[in-house]
Amino acid sequence: MPRGTKAFNKQKEGDDHKVIPIMQHLTRLGYKVFREPTIENANFSTNNKVRRPDLKVEVKDPELPPFEIYLELDGNVHGNLVWPTENTMRRNGDYERTNRKYIIISEEDCKFHGIDVEKYAAIRIDEEFSKFKSRFFVGLIN
């Protein structure tokens, strides 16, 4: 279903109950969180060269360069982490091709392993931010 259609908008409104608790949890932890930011890049595989991830998370520390990471909350329409759908692979490929940090949170895999989605998202972001700080510390990031 194309972005901007009533069916798409209804679907996006339908996932508020999944995404908003993650946003609230990350905000309580001190992260700056944005819902569905628009990212444009000529190397994206989409026709309009735009992606709108579920969330963008930012950390601004005066001693570090800005850190940003995108979070995609994947439901069963995306497959799972081991067997994603073709569209999901294309999306992930766009992030890889443009060197963007991203995290995939698979609802299905979280359910299978009995993991709370909000807490898992926070742990993964904490992990990526820790790696970012380490790369800066050893001089791999200016």
Protein backbone atom coordinates (compact mmCIF):
# COMPACT_ATOMS: atom_id res chain seq x y z
CA MET A 1 0.00 0.00 0.00
CA PRO A 2 1.51 3.35 -1.06
CA ARG A 3 2.60 5.87 1.58
CA GLY A 4 0.08 8.66 2.05
CA THR A 5 -2.97 6.55 1.20
CA LYS A 6 -5.77 6.17 3.73
CA ALA A 7 -4.94 2.49 4.17
CA PHE A 8 -1.27 3.27 4.84
CA ASN A 9 -2.11 6.08 7.26
CA LYS A 10 -4.53 3.82 9.13
CA GLN A 11 -1.82 1.14 9.37
CA LYS A 12 0.71 3.68 10.71
CA GLU A 13 -1.80 4.98 13.27
CA GLY A 14 -2.38 1.36 14.19
CA ASP A 15 1.23 0.89 15.30
CA ASP A 16 1.23 3.87 17.67
CA HIS A 17 0.52 1.48 20.55
CA LYS A 18 3.82 -0.27 19.71
CA VAL A 19 6.08 2.66 18.86
CA ILE A 20 4.96 5.25 21.43
CA PRO A 21 5.89 3.10 24.47
CA ILE A 22 9.39 2.68 22.99
CA MET A 23 9.62 6.45 22.47
CA GLN A 24 8.50 7.11 26.04
CA HIS A 25 10.96 4.61 27.49
CA LEU A 26 13.89 6.01 25.50
CA THR A 27 12.92 9.58 26.42
CA ARG A 28 12.87 8.65 30.12
CA LEU A 29 16.41 7.35 29.65
CA GLY A 30 17.50 10.75 28.30
CA TYR A 31 17.53 10.04 24.58
CA LYS A 32 16.07 12.55 22.13
CA VAL A 33 13.58 10.61 19.99
CA PHE A 34 11.81 11.54 16.74
CA ARG A 35 8.90 9.67 15.14
CA GLU A 36 9.14 8.86 11.41
CA PRO A 37 11.80 11.35 10.34
CA THR A 38 12.28 11.86 6.62
CA ILE A 39 15.68 10.75 5.30
CA GLU A 40 16.60 11.54 1.71
CA ASN A 41 19.47 9.98 -0.18
CA ALA A 42 20.08 9.49 -3.90
CA ASN A 43 21.36 5.97 -3.17
CA PHE A 44 18.09 4.74 -1.64
CA SER A 45 16.27 2.10 -3.67
CA THR A 46 12.88 3.79 -3.28
CA ASN A 47 11.40 5.67 -6.26
CA ASN A 48 11.39 8.98 -4.38
CA LYS A 49 14.80 8.32 -2.72
CA VAL A 50 13.23 8.78 0.73
CA ARG A 51 13.03 6.57 3.82
CA ARG A 52 10.93 7.15 6.93
CA PRO A 53 12.14 4.89 9.74
CA ASP A 54 9.93 4.34 12.77
CA LEU A 55 12.24 6.28 15.07
CA LYS A 56 15.38 8.36 15.05
CA VAL A 57 17.36 8.55 18.28
CA GLU A 58 19.91 11.30 18.93
CA VAL A 59 22.50 11.95 21.60
CA LYS A 60 24.30 15.27 21.78
CA ASP A 61 27.26 15.32 24.11
CA PRO A 62 29.58 18.36 24.03
CA GLU A 63 32.60 16.05 24.15
CA LEU A 64 31.45 13.89 21.22
CA PRO A 65 30.27 14.37 17.66
CA PRO A 66 26.48 14.00 17.30
CA PHE A 67 25.24 10.41 17.49
CA GLU A 68 22.12 9.34 15.63
CA ILE A 69 20.65 5.95 14.97
CA TYR A 70 17.47 4.77 13.30
CA LEU A 71 15.16 2.18 14.77
CA GLU A 72 12.87 -0.03 12.72
CA LEU A 73 10.20 -1.94 14.62
CA ASP A 74 9.45 -4.96 12.45
CA GLY A 75 6.21 -6.88 12.75
CA ASN A 76 5.45 -10.22 11.11
CA VAL A 77 4.99 -8.57 7.66
CA HIS A 78 8.78 -8.10 7.67
CA GLY A 79 9.52 -11.76 8.23
CA ASN A 80 11.98 -12.26 11.06
CA LEU A 81 15.63 -11.48 11.68
CA VAL A 82 16.82 -14.70 10.03
CA TRP A 83 14.34 -14.71 7.14
CA PRO A 84 13.32 -11.12 6.33
CA THR A 85 11.13 -10.29 3.36
CA GLU A 86 12.57 -8.88 0.14
CA ASN A 87 11.26 -5.38 0.93
CA THR A 88 12.86 -5.54 4.37
CA MET A 89 16.17 -6.59 2.82
CA ARG A 90 15.93 -3.67 0.39
CA ARG A 91 15.28 -1.27 3.29
CA ASN A 92 18.20 -2.66 5.30
CA GLY A 93 20.38 -2.47 2.20
CA ASP A 94 19.57 1.22 1.86
CA TYR A 95 20.82 1.85 5.41
CA GLU A 96 23.97 -0.19 4.76
CA ARG A 97 24.67 1.44 1.39
CA THR A 98 24.42 4.93 2.91
CA ASN A 99 26.42 4.05 6.05
CA ARG A 100 23.60 4.83 8.47
CA LYS A 101 23.44 3.31 11.92
CA TYR A 102 20.22 1.38 12.38
CA ILE A 103 18.67 -1.18 14.68
CA ILE A 104 16.00 -3.67 13.79
CA ILE A 105 13.68 -4.69 16.58
CA SER A 106 11.71 -7.76 15.52
CA GLU A 107 8.47 -8.10 17.46
CA GLU A 108 8.25 -11.76 16.48
CA ASP A 109 11.75 -12.55 17.74
CA CYS A 110 11.16 -10.61 20.97
CA LYS A 111 7.96 -12.60 21.57
CA PHE A 112 9.71 -15.88 20.79
CA HIS A 113 12.47 -15.12 23.31
CA GLY A 114 10.13 -13.56 25.91
CA ILE A 115 11.84 -10.16 25.71
CA ASP A 116 10.20 -6.80 26.45
CA VAL A 117 10.40 -4.74 23.23
CA GLU A 118 10.91 -1.34 24.91
CA LYS A 119 13.73 -2.56 27.13
CA TYR A 120 15.36 -4.47 24.29
CA ALA A 121 15.32 -1.34 22.09
CA ALA A 122 16.99 0.63 24.89
CA ILE A 123 19.67 -2.01 25.43
CA ARG A 124 20.47 -2.09 21.71
CA ILE A 125 20.70 1.70 21.51
CA ASP A 126 22.88 1.81 24.63
CA GLU A 127 25.13 -0.80 23.02
CA GLU A 128 25.46 1.15 19.75
CA PHE A 129 26.14 4.41 21.61
CA SER A 130 28.83 2.66 23.68
CA LYS A 131 30.50 1.41 20.48
CA PHE A 132 30.26 4.91 18.99
CA LYS A 133 32.01 6.40 22.07
CA SER A 134 34.71 3.72 21.84
CA ARG A 135 35.36 4.52 18.16
CA PHE A 136 35.67 8.20 19.06
CA PHE A 137 37.98 7.42 21.98
CA VAL A 138 40.42 5.46 19.80
CA GLY A 139 40.34 8.13 17.07
CA LEU A 140 38.22 6.40 14.45
CA ILE A 141 35.66 9.24 14.52
CA ASN A 142 36.51 12.95 14.51
